[in-house]
Structure formats: structure tokens, C-alpha cells
Amino acid sequence: MAAVGTLVSRSKAGASFEALVSIVLSGNYPAGGDPFDVTTVVGFINRQPWTVSFTSANSMIYFYDKVNKKIVIRDFPVVNVVGGQGAASAVQINPDSNVGVFGKTAATTRVIPGRTFGFTQVEIPAAAYPADFTGDTILMYAEWFATPQLPT
């Protein structure tokens, strides 16, 4: 299985239409995004939403590719710093103080989030979904600025 959506709510708000969809991820993430058509979950048949946003309990980064109807997942690359490097104390940064690491004399190894260093987001690799994603509580908010046609 891949991305599965469940309609939480949909409502008309003035001239627009809103929908909230719960997303569950499982299996493997394919390169380029996980196929997902929000219109079929919400029940609209004639147009993609104008705007889509996500909330994530695990602070993951999700985007909706309306053209290709896919959920694209991006994350910051990490920096792996292997301990026991014998770095001089003048260049030593202590990872236990949440400052970051370039080298460290202690034998422990640390993984530092790329956002610490100002890295840009990249698409996650095509592979089995990590637990951070499969265990995430994901809500997709979609809005149409004209009421779409509902199926008969």
C-alpha cells in the first residue's frame, strides 16, 4: 500500500469549498512522490484544489503535486559525525549542547539535522517509509475557490 486518505470533513465556505483529509502512509515511497488523488477521496470529479497544505504531528514536510497527483515528501539531509576524531579543542563543538558538530574527540557518533547548518530540503529517497512517516498523524487541507462538480 501507499498513501491512503480518509475524508474527515468537507464544507462550503462562501464561494469556496474546503476539505480535510487524514493521510496514512505505508509500504515504499516511490521516487517523484506517492500517487494520491485528493479529488477521489473528497468526491470531486472536475478539478484539483486551488491550494493544499499539510499538518504533521512529527513535523515532517509534505507537498501535494496537483499536476501529477502525488504527495511529495521532503526532508533536510543529515550530517553524520563519527566520534573519536581527536579534533583539537579549539575547533571542537559539543553536540550535547545542541550547537552542532564538525568533529569530536568522544567515541560517540551523532546525527545532526541538516537544518542546523542551513541545508535546503531534498526529496526523501525511494525506499521503505521510515517509522517517522508511517507513524505520523497527517492532515491534508484542500480548498477549491469555486464549488467543484460532485458526482451524481
C-alpha atoms as a PDB file:
ATOM      1  CA  MET A   1       0.000   0.000   0.000  1.00  0.00           C
ATOM      2  CA  ALA A   2       0.984   3.597  -0.324  1.00  0.00           C
ATOM      3  CA  ALA A   3      -0.744   6.816   0.695  1.00  0.00           C
ATOM      4  CA  VAL A   4      -4.334   6.225   1.795  1.00  0.00           C
ATOM      5  CA  GLY A   5      -6.714   9.088   2.518  1.00  0.00           C
ATOM      6  CA  THR A   6      -9.894   9.236   4.566  1.00  0.00           C
ATOM      7  CA  LEU A   7     -12.281  12.163   4.326  1.00  0.00           C
ATOM      8  CA  VAL A   8     -12.580  13.866   7.720  1.00  0.00           C
ATOM      9  CA  SER A   9     -14.835  16.735   6.651  1.00  0.00           C
ATOM     10  CA  ARG A  10     -15.841  18.894   3.722  1.00  0.00           C
ATOM     11  CA  SER A  11     -17.827  22.097   3.757  1.00  0.00           C
ATOM     12  CA  LYS A  12     -18.833  25.079   1.689  1.00  0.00           C
ATOM     13  CA  ALA A  13     -17.356  28.355   2.910  1.00  0.00           C
ATOM     14  CA  GLY A  14     -18.842  31.231   0.902  1.00  0.00           C
ATOM     15  CA  ALA A  15     -17.809  30.747  -2.731  1.00  0.00           C
ATOM     16  CA  SER A  16     -15.129  28.213  -1.817  1.00  0.00           C
ATOM     17  CA  PHE A  17     -15.184  24.597  -0.761  1.00  0.00           C
ATOM     18  CA  GLU A  18     -12.904  23.102   1.911  1.00  0.00           C
ATOM     19  CA  ALA A  19     -11.959  19.538   2.746  1.00  0.00           C
ATOM     20  CA  LEU A  20      -9.889  17.909   5.467  1.00  0.00           C
ATOM     21  CA  VAL A  21      -8.354  14.522   4.706  1.00  0.00           C
ATOM     22  CA  SER A  22      -6.448  12.200   7.041  1.00  0.00           C
ATOM     23  CA  ILE A  23      -3.452  10.513   5.339  1.00  0.00           C
ATOM     24  CA  VAL A  24      -1.797   7.237   6.344  1.00  0.00           C
ATOM     25  CA  LEU A  25       1.481   6.147   4.728  1.00  0.00           C
ATOM     26  CA  SER A  26       2.735   2.578   4.421  1.00  0.00           C
ATOM     27  CA  GLY A  27       4.927   0.462   2.184  1.00  0.00           C
ATOM     28  CA  ASN A  28       7.501   2.161  -0.021  1.00  0.00           C
ATOM     29  CA  TYR A  29       7.946   5.765  -1.074  1.00  0.00           C
ATOM     30  CA  PRO A  30       8.476   5.913  -4.871  1.00  0.00           C
ATOM     31  CA  ALA A  31      10.841   8.460  -6.458  1.00  0.00           C
ATOM     32  CA  GLY A  32       8.910  11.543  -7.527  1.00  0.00           C
ATOM     33  CA  GLY A  33       6.135  11.128  -4.970  1.00  0.00           C
ATOM     34  CA  ASP A  34       3.417   8.786  -3.760  1.00  0.00           C
ATOM     35  CA  PRO A  35       0.396   8.669  -6.119  1.00  0.00           C
ATOM     36  CA  PHE A  36      -2.614  10.249  -4.434  1.00  0.00           C
ATOM     37  CA  ASP A  37      -5.633  11.937  -5.987  1.00  0.00           C
ATOM     38  CA  VAL A  38      -7.333  14.081  -3.364  1.00  0.00           C
ATOM     39  CA  THR A  39     -10.352  14.622  -5.655  1.00  0.00           C
ATOM     40  CA  THR A  40     -11.357  10.958  -5.470  1.00  0.00           C
ATOM     41  CA  VAL A  41     -11.136  10.944  -1.667  1.00  0.00           C
ATOM     42  CA  VAL A  42     -13.172  14.139  -1.342  1.00  0.00           C
ATOM     43  CA  GLY A  43     -15.605  13.161  -4.099  1.00  0.00           C
ATOM     44  CA  PHE A  44     -14.955  15.920  -6.672  1.00  0.00           C
ATOM     45  CA  ILE A  45     -14.669  15.000 -10.300  1.00  0.00           C
ATOM     46  CA  ASN A  46     -13.841  18.083 -12.356  1.00  0.00           C
ATOM     47  CA  ARG A  47     -10.846  19.893 -10.812  1.00  0.00           C
ATOM     48  CA  GLN A  48      -7.883  19.731  -8.487  1.00  0.00           C
ATOM     49  CA  PRO A  49      -7.915  22.021  -5.443  1.00  0.00           C
ATOM     50  CA  TRP A  50      -6.570  25.556  -5.668  1.00  0.00           C
ATOM     51  CA  THR A  51      -4.490  25.224  -2.506  1.00  0.00           C
ATOM     52  CA  VAL A  52      -3.307  22.287  -0.395  1.00  0.00           C
ATOM     53  CA  SER A  53      -1.447  22.289   2.900  1.00  0.00           C
ATOM     54  CA  PHE A  54      -0.466  19.647   5.425  1.00  0.00           C
ATOM     55  CA  THR A  55      -0.075  19.382   9.171  1.00  0.00           C
ATOM     56  CA  SER A  56       2.197  16.746  10.651  1.00  0.00           C
ATOM     57  CA  ALA A  57       2.414  15.621  14.275  1.00  0.00           C
ATOM     58  CA  ASN A  58       6.060  14.620  13.623  1.00  0.00           C
ATOM     59  CA  SER A  59       6.934  17.920  11.867  1.00  0.00           C
ATOM     60  CA  MET A  60       7.541  16.203   8.517  1.00  0.00           C
ATOM     61  CA  ILE A  61       7.379  18.167   5.257  1.00  0.00           C
ATOM     62  CA  TYR A  62       4.677  17.151   2.758  1.00  0.00           C
ATOM     63  CA  PHE A  63       3.708  18.775  -0.548  1.00  0.00           C
ATOM     64  CA  TYR A  64       0.915  17.978  -2.990  1.00  0.00           C
ATOM     65  CA  ASP A  65       1.849  17.894  -6.682  1.00  0.00           C
ATOM     66  CA  LYS A  66      -1.512  18.813  -8.273  1.00  0.00           C
ATOM     67  CA  VAL A  67      -0.313  18.240 -11.835  1.00  0.00           C
ATOM     68  CA  ASN A  68       0.879  14.667 -11.239  1.00  0.00           C
ATOM     69  CA  LYS A  69      -1.497  13.943  -8.332  1.00  0.00           C
ATOM     70  CA  LYS A  70       1.223  12.889  -5.895  1.00  0.00           C
ATOM     71  CA  ILE A  71       2.256  13.530  -2.320  1.00  0.00           C
ATOM     72  CA  VAL A  72       5.912  14.552  -2.359  1.00  0.00           C
ATOM     73  CA  ILE A  73       7.887  14.247   0.853  1.00  0.00           C
ATOM     74  CA  ARG A  74      10.905  16.408   1.547  1.00  0.00           C
ATOM     75  CA  ASP A  75      13.301  16.495   4.451  1.00  0.00           C
ATOM     76  CA  PHE A  76      16.580  18.084   5.418  1.00  0.00           C
ATOM     77  CA  PRO A  77      19.688  15.967   4.856  1.00  0.00           C
ATOM     78  CA  VAL A  78      21.565  14.958   7.997  1.00  0.00           C
ATOM     79  CA  VAL A  79      25.212  15.251   8.930  1.00  0.00           C
ATOM     80  CA  ASN A  80      26.734  12.106  10.442  1.00  0.00           C
ATOM     81  CA  VAL A  81      29.675  12.886  12.684  1.00  0.00           C
ATOM     82  CA  VAL A  82      31.769   9.942  13.780  1.00  0.00           C
ATOM     83  CA  GLY A  83      33.286  10.237  17.242  1.00  0.00           C
ATOM     84  CA  GLY A  84      36.882   9.598  18.180  1.00  0.00           C
ATOM     85  CA  GLN A  85      38.320  12.011  15.610  1.00  0.00           C
ATOM     86  CA  GLY A  86      40.744  13.658  18.018  1.00  0.00           C
ATOM     87  CA  ALA A  87      39.716  17.168  16.983  1.00  0.00           C
ATOM     88  CA  ALA A  88      41.595  19.965  18.723  1.00  0.00           C
ATOM     89  CA  SER A  89      39.555  21.644  21.418  1.00  0.00           C
ATOM     90  CA  ALA A  90      39.795  24.945  19.539  1.00  0.00           C
ATOM     91  CA  VAL A  91      37.614  23.542  16.748  1.00  0.00           C
ATOM     92  CA  GLN A  92      35.628  21.194  18.938  1.00  0.00           C
ATOM     93  CA  ILE A  93      31.871  21.750  19.093  1.00  0.00           C
ATOM     94  CA  ASN A  94      29.997  19.815  21.727  1.00  0.00           C
ATOM     95  CA  PRO A  95      26.928  18.054  20.256  1.00  0.00           C
ATOM     96  CA  ASP A  96      25.462  17.593  23.702  1.00  0.00           C
ATOM     97  CA  SER A  97      24.880  21.341  23.894  1.00  0.00           C
ATOM     98  CA  ASN A  98      22.758  21.240  20.675  1.00  0.00           C
ATOM     99  CA  VAL A  99      25.189  23.553  18.905  1.00  0.00           C
ATOM    100  CA  GLY A 100      26.253  21.195  16.101  1.00  0.00           C
ATOM    101  CA  VAL A 101      29.326  19.123  15.319  1.00  0.00           C
ATOM    102  CA  PHE A 102      32.233  19.250  12.909  1.00  0.00           C
ATOM    103  CA  GLY A 103      34.498  16.815  14.738  1.00  0.00           C
ATOM    104  CA  LYS A 104      34.590  15.397  18.203  1.00  0.00           C
ATOM    105  CA  THR A 105      37.014  13.554  20.404  1.00  0.00           C
ATOM    106  CA  ALA A 106      34.442  11.471  22.303  1.00  0.00           C
ATOM    107  CA  ALA A 107      33.804   7.997  20.929  1.00  0.00           C
ATOM    108  CA  THR A 108      30.052   8.574  20.433  1.00  0.00           C
ATOM    109  CA  THR A 109      28.632   9.289  16.983  1.00  0.00           C
ATOM    110  CA  ARG A 110      25.962  11.929  16.432  1.00  0.00           C
ATOM    111  CA  VAL A 111      23.486  12.643  13.660  1.00  0.00           C
ATOM    112  CA  ILE A 112      22.851  16.368  13.286  1.00  0.00           C
ATOM    113  CA  PRO A 113      19.790  17.616  11.355  1.00  0.00           C
ATOM    114  CA  GLY A 114      20.758  19.481   8.194  1.00  0.00           C
ATOM    115  CA  ARG A 115      18.588  22.444   9.158  1.00  0.00           C
ATOM    116  CA  THR A 116      21.203  23.158  11.869  1.00  0.00           C
ATOM    117  CA  PHE A 117      23.591  24.061   9.058  1.00  0.00           C
ATOM    118  CA  GLY A 118      21.055  25.823   6.838  1.00  0.00           C
ATOM    119  CA  PHE A 119      20.770  22.998   4.290  1.00  0.00           C
ATOM    120  CA  THR A 120      17.840  23.059   1.874  1.00  0.00           C
ATOM    121  CA  GLN A 121      15.150  20.404   1.742  1.00  0.00           C
ATOM    122  CA  VAL A 122      15.525  17.406  -0.559  1.00  0.00           C
ATOM    123  CA  GLU A 123      13.073  14.696  -1.558  1.00  0.00           C
ATOM    124  CA  ILE A 124      13.400  11.598   0.592  1.00  0.00           C
ATOM    125  CA  PRO A 125      14.927   8.586  -1.227  1.00  0.00           C
ATOM    126  CA  ALA A 126      12.794   5.907  -2.842  1.00  0.00           C
ATOM    127  CA  ALA A 127      12.718   3.224  -0.152  1.00  0.00           C
ATOM    128  CA  ALA A 128      10.540   1.790   2.576  1.00  0.00           C
ATOM    129  CA  TYR A 129       8.858   4.548   4.561  1.00  0.00           C
ATOM    130  CA  PRO A 130      10.767   5.288   7.793  1.00  0.00           C
ATOM    131  CA  ALA A 131       8.774   4.988  11.033  1.00  0.00           C
ATOM    132  CA  ASP A 132       8.715   8.792  11.375  1.00  0.00           C
ATOM    133  CA  PHE A 133       6.384   8.850   8.360  1.00  0.00           C
ATOM    134  CA  THR A 134       4.312   5.683   8.870  1.00  0.00           C
ATOM    135  CA  GLY A 135       3.665   6.690  12.486  1.00  0.00           C
ATOM    136  CA  ASP A 136       2.844  10.293  11.646  1.00  0.00           C
ATOM    137  CA  THR A 137      -0.589  11.878  12.071  1.00  0.00           C
ATOM    138  CA  ILE A 138      -1.035  13.700   8.759  1.00  0.00           C
ATOM    139  CA  LEU A 139      -3.908  16.016   7.881  1.00  0.00           C
ATOM    140  CA  MET A 140      -4.302  17.470   4.390  1.00  0.00           C
ATOM    141  CA  TYR A 141      -6.318  20.662   3.996  1.00  0.00           C
ATOM    142  CA  ALA A 142      -7.576  21.383   0.468  1.00  0.00           C
ATOM    143  CA  GLU A 143      -9.532  24.365  -0.787  1.00  0.00           C
ATOM    144  CA  TRP A 144     -11.363  24.990  -4.038  1.00  0.00           C
ATOM    145  CA  PHE A 145     -12.289  28.605  -4.870  1.00  0.00           C
ATOM    146  CA  ALA A 146     -15.307  27.592  -6.928  1.00  0.00           C
ATOM    147  CA  THR A 147     -17.593  24.773  -5.954  1.00  0.00           C
ATOM    148  CA  PRO A 148     -16.465  21.696  -7.887  1.00  0.00           C
ATOM    149  CA  GLN A 149     -18.923  19.355  -9.518  1.00  0.00           C
ATOM    150  CA  LEU A 150     -19.929  16.497  -7.247  1.00  0.00           C
ATOM    151  CA  PRO A 151     -20.591  13.079  -8.732  1.00  0.00           C
ATOM    152  CA  THR A 152     -24.235  12.163  -9.310  1.00  0.00           C
END
